[in-house]
Amino acid sequence: MKKVSIFVDVQNIYYTTKQQFSSNFDYNRFWKLVTHEREVIAAIAYTTNRGDPKQIQFQNILRAIGFEVRLKPFIKRADGSSKGDWDVGITIDIMEYSHQSDIIVLASGDGDFDILIQKIRLLYNVDTEIYGVSNLTANSLKNVATSYFPIDETLLLK
């Protein structure tokens, strides 16, 4: 049985599925797909913490599915912009789990991860599976992955 570690950039997946499909990502279906006949080493969902009751409920759903939920404070700047991305945290965790895993699954379309994916494939000879909304996923990320799976209607809540 292959060992898999799963990493979800929740903000990226939320906004890209909303933009493209006006729908939400189906984390239960995703979990069943990426864990089928695999041993889960790690499963981490990265998101921001706004203290909103609906968001807390969503985080509890992720935990019930099997994800460890990592929270970062949502920062609203004086100029109206916001900050809450997890790129560095996701990168560190992927590097940490790559040597223990046969497969790394990353749900994100963020092209900043292309160098990371290329590096772990070289260093650890690990397979990489990327899930992202097709036209909102960086081509550079699609191209360096072992496998790219576009998020479509089959991975959305109905």
Protein backbone atom coordinates (compact mmCIF):
# COMPACT_ATOMS: atom_id res chain seq x y z
CA MET A 1 0.00 0.00 0.00
CA LYS A 2 1.41 3.38 -1.02
CA LYS A 3 1.94 6.07 1.63
CA VAL A 4 0.30 9.42 0.91
CA SER A 5 0.56 12.85 2.48
CA ILE A 6 -2.14 15.38 1.60
CA PHE A 7 -1.89 19.16 1.78
CA VAL A 8 -4.76 21.56 1.03
CA ASP A 9 -4.38 25.29 0.46
CA VAL A 10 -7.95 25.96 1.61
CA GLN A 11 -8.05 29.64 0.64
CA ASN A 12 -6.81 28.90 -2.89
CA ILE A 13 -9.30 26.08 -3.40
CA TYR A 14 -12.17 28.09 -1.93
CA TYR A 15 -11.64 31.15 -4.10
CA THR A 16 -10.84 29.32 -7.35
CA THR A 17 -13.86 26.99 -7.12
CA LYS A 18 -16.10 29.93 -6.24
CA GLN A 19 -14.74 31.99 -9.13
CA GLN A 20 -14.92 29.24 -11.73
CA PHE A 21 -18.00 27.29 -10.67
CA SER A 22 -19.85 29.41 -8.08
CA SER A 23 -19.71 26.30 -5.93
CA ASN A 24 -17.79 24.77 -3.03
CA PHE A 25 -15.19 22.02 -3.08
CA ASP A 26 -16.34 18.60 -1.87
CA TYR A 27 -13.73 17.64 0.70
CA ASN A 28 -15.39 14.29 1.45
CA ARG A 29 -15.23 13.21 -2.18
CA PHE A 30 -11.66 14.50 -2.48
CA TRP A 31 -10.64 12.54 0.65
CA LYS A 32 -12.13 9.30 -0.70
CA LEU A 33 -10.37 9.81 -4.02
CA VAL A 34 -6.87 10.58 -2.73
CA THR A 35 -6.87 8.06 0.12
CA HIS A 36 -8.33 5.08 -1.75
CA GLU A 37 -6.11 2.04 -1.13
CA ARG A 38 -3.43 4.28 0.37
CA GLU A 39 -1.99 4.69 3.85
CA VAL A 40 -2.36 8.27 5.05
CA ILE A 41 0.83 9.60 6.64
CA ALA A 42 -0.39 13.19 6.99
CA ALA A 43 -3.41 15.20 5.89
CA ILE A 44 -3.26 18.90 6.61
CA ALA A 45 -5.66 21.68 5.62
CA TYR A 46 -4.29 25.22 5.92
CA THR A 47 -6.71 28.09 6.46
CA THR A 48 -7.19 31.40 8.19
CA ASN A 49 -8.93 32.00 11.48
CA ARG A 50 -11.48 34.80 11.49
CA GLY A 51 -13.42 33.43 14.46
CA ASP A 52 -16.56 33.23 12.34
CA PRO A 53 -19.01 30.52 13.56
CA LYS A 54 -19.64 29.23 10.03
CA GLN A 55 -15.89 28.98 9.42
CA ILE A 56 -15.40 27.15 12.73
CA GLN A 57 -18.10 24.68 11.68
CA PHE A 58 -16.29 24.13 8.35
CA GLN A 59 -13.00 23.54 10.18
CA ASN A 60 -14.70 20.94 12.38
CA ILE A 61 -16.01 19.20 9.26
CA LEU A 62 -12.47 19.05 7.90
CA ARG A 63 -11.30 17.51 11.18
CA ALA A 64 -14.11 14.94 11.09
CA ILE A 65 -13.07 13.92 7.57
CA GLY A 66 -9.52 13.28 8.78
CA PHE A 67 -7.60 16.50 8.20
CA GLU A 68 -5.44 18.25 10.74
CA VAL A 69 -6.48 21.89 10.47
CA ARG A 70 -3.78 24.53 10.75
CA LEU A 71 -4.97 28.06 11.41
CA LYS A 72 -3.28 31.38 10.82
CA PRO A 73 -4.78 34.67 12.01
CA PHE A 74 -6.50 36.63 9.29
CA ILE A 75 -4.88 40.07 9.16
CA LYS A 76 -6.75 43.03 7.71
CA ARG A 77 -4.34 45.85 6.92
CA ALA A 78 -5.12 49.56 7.26
CA ASP A 79 -5.00 49.94 3.46
CA GLY A 80 -7.83 47.40 3.08
CA SER A 81 -5.63 44.53 1.89
CA SER A 82 -5.42 41.30 3.83
CA LYS A 83 -2.85 38.65 4.67
CA GLY A 84 -3.22 35.05 5.68
CA ASP A 85 -1.39 32.86 3.20
CA TRP A 86 0.27 29.61 4.21
CA ASP A 87 2.83 29.17 1.41
CA VAL A 88 5.85 28.91 3.72
CA GLY A 89 4.07 26.60 6.18
CA ILE A 90 2.84 24.32 3.40
CA THR A 91 6.34 24.22 1.91
CA ILE A 92 7.97 23.28 5.20
CA ASP A 93 5.43 20.53 5.87
CA ILE A 94 5.71 19.08 2.37
CA MET A 95 9.49 18.99 2.70
CA GLU A 96 9.12 17.29 6.10
CA TYR A 97 6.73 14.59 4.91
CA SER A 98 8.23 13.93 1.46
CA HIS A 99 10.86 11.50 2.73
CA GLN A 100 8.16 9.41 4.48
CA SER A 101 5.70 9.36 1.58
CA ASP A 102 5.38 7.67 -1.79
CA ILE A 103 2.88 10.29 -2.97
CA ILE A 104 2.44 13.95 -2.11
CA VAL A 105 -1.00 15.39 -2.92
CA LEU A 106 -1.31 19.17 -3.08
CA ALA A 107 -4.64 20.88 -3.63
CA SER A 108 -3.71 24.34 -4.86
CA GLY A 109 -3.28 26.16 -8.12
CA ASP A 110 -0.60 28.48 -6.79
CA GLY A 111 2.39 28.60 -9.14
CA ASP A 112 4.69 29.47 -6.23
CA PHE A 113 4.68 25.75 -5.40
CA ASP A 114 6.23 24.67 -8.73
CA ILE A 115 9.82 24.93 -7.43
CA LEU A 116 8.88 22.93 -4.33
CA ILE A 117 7.25 20.16 -6.35
CA GLN A 118 10.22 19.99 -8.69
CA LYS A 119 12.62 19.83 -5.73
CA ILE A 120 10.84 17.05 -3.81
CA ARG A 121 10.55 14.93 -6.93
CA LEU A 122 14.31 15.28 -7.44
CA LEU A 123 15.36 14.84 -3.81
CA TYR A 124 12.93 12.14 -2.68
CA ASN A 125 11.76 10.52 -5.93
CA VAL A 126 8.20 11.03 -4.69
CA ASP A 127 5.16 11.09 -6.96
CA THR A 128 3.20 14.34 -6.86
CA GLU A 129 -0.47 14.86 -7.56
CA ILE A 130 -1.80 18.38 -7.98
CA TYR A 131 -5.50 19.23 -7.79
CA GLY A 132 -6.59 22.67 -8.96
CA VAL A 133 -9.17 24.52 -11.05
CA SER A 134 -7.77 24.12 -14.55
CA ASN A 135 -7.73 27.65 -15.94
CA LEU A 136 -6.82 29.08 -12.52
CA THR A 137 -3.89 26.72 -11.89
CA ALA A 138 -0.44 27.85 -12.95
CA ASN A 139 0.86 25.94 -15.98
CA SER A 140 4.26 25.76 -14.30
CA LEU A 141 2.67 23.78 -11.43
CA LYS A 142 0.77 21.47 -13.78
CA ASN A 143 3.95 20.80 -15.76
CA VAL A 144 6.19 19.78 -12.85
CA ALA A 145 3.70 17.41 -11.19
CA THR A 146 3.73 13.68 -11.77
CA SER A 147 -0.04 13.96 -12.27
CA TYR A 148 -2.36 16.92 -12.54
CA PHE A 149 -6.08 16.51 -11.82
CA PRO A 150 -8.39 19.37 -12.73
CA ILE A 151 -11.11 20.16 -10.22
CA ASP A 152 -14.40 19.88 -12.05
CA GLU A 153 -18.06 19.22 -11.23
CA THR A 154 -17.22 15.76 -9.85
CA LEU A 155 -15.32 17.39 -6.95
CA LEU A 156 -17.88 20.07 -6.13
CA LEU A 157 -20.76 20.08 -3.66
CA LYS A 158 -24.06 19.76 -5.42
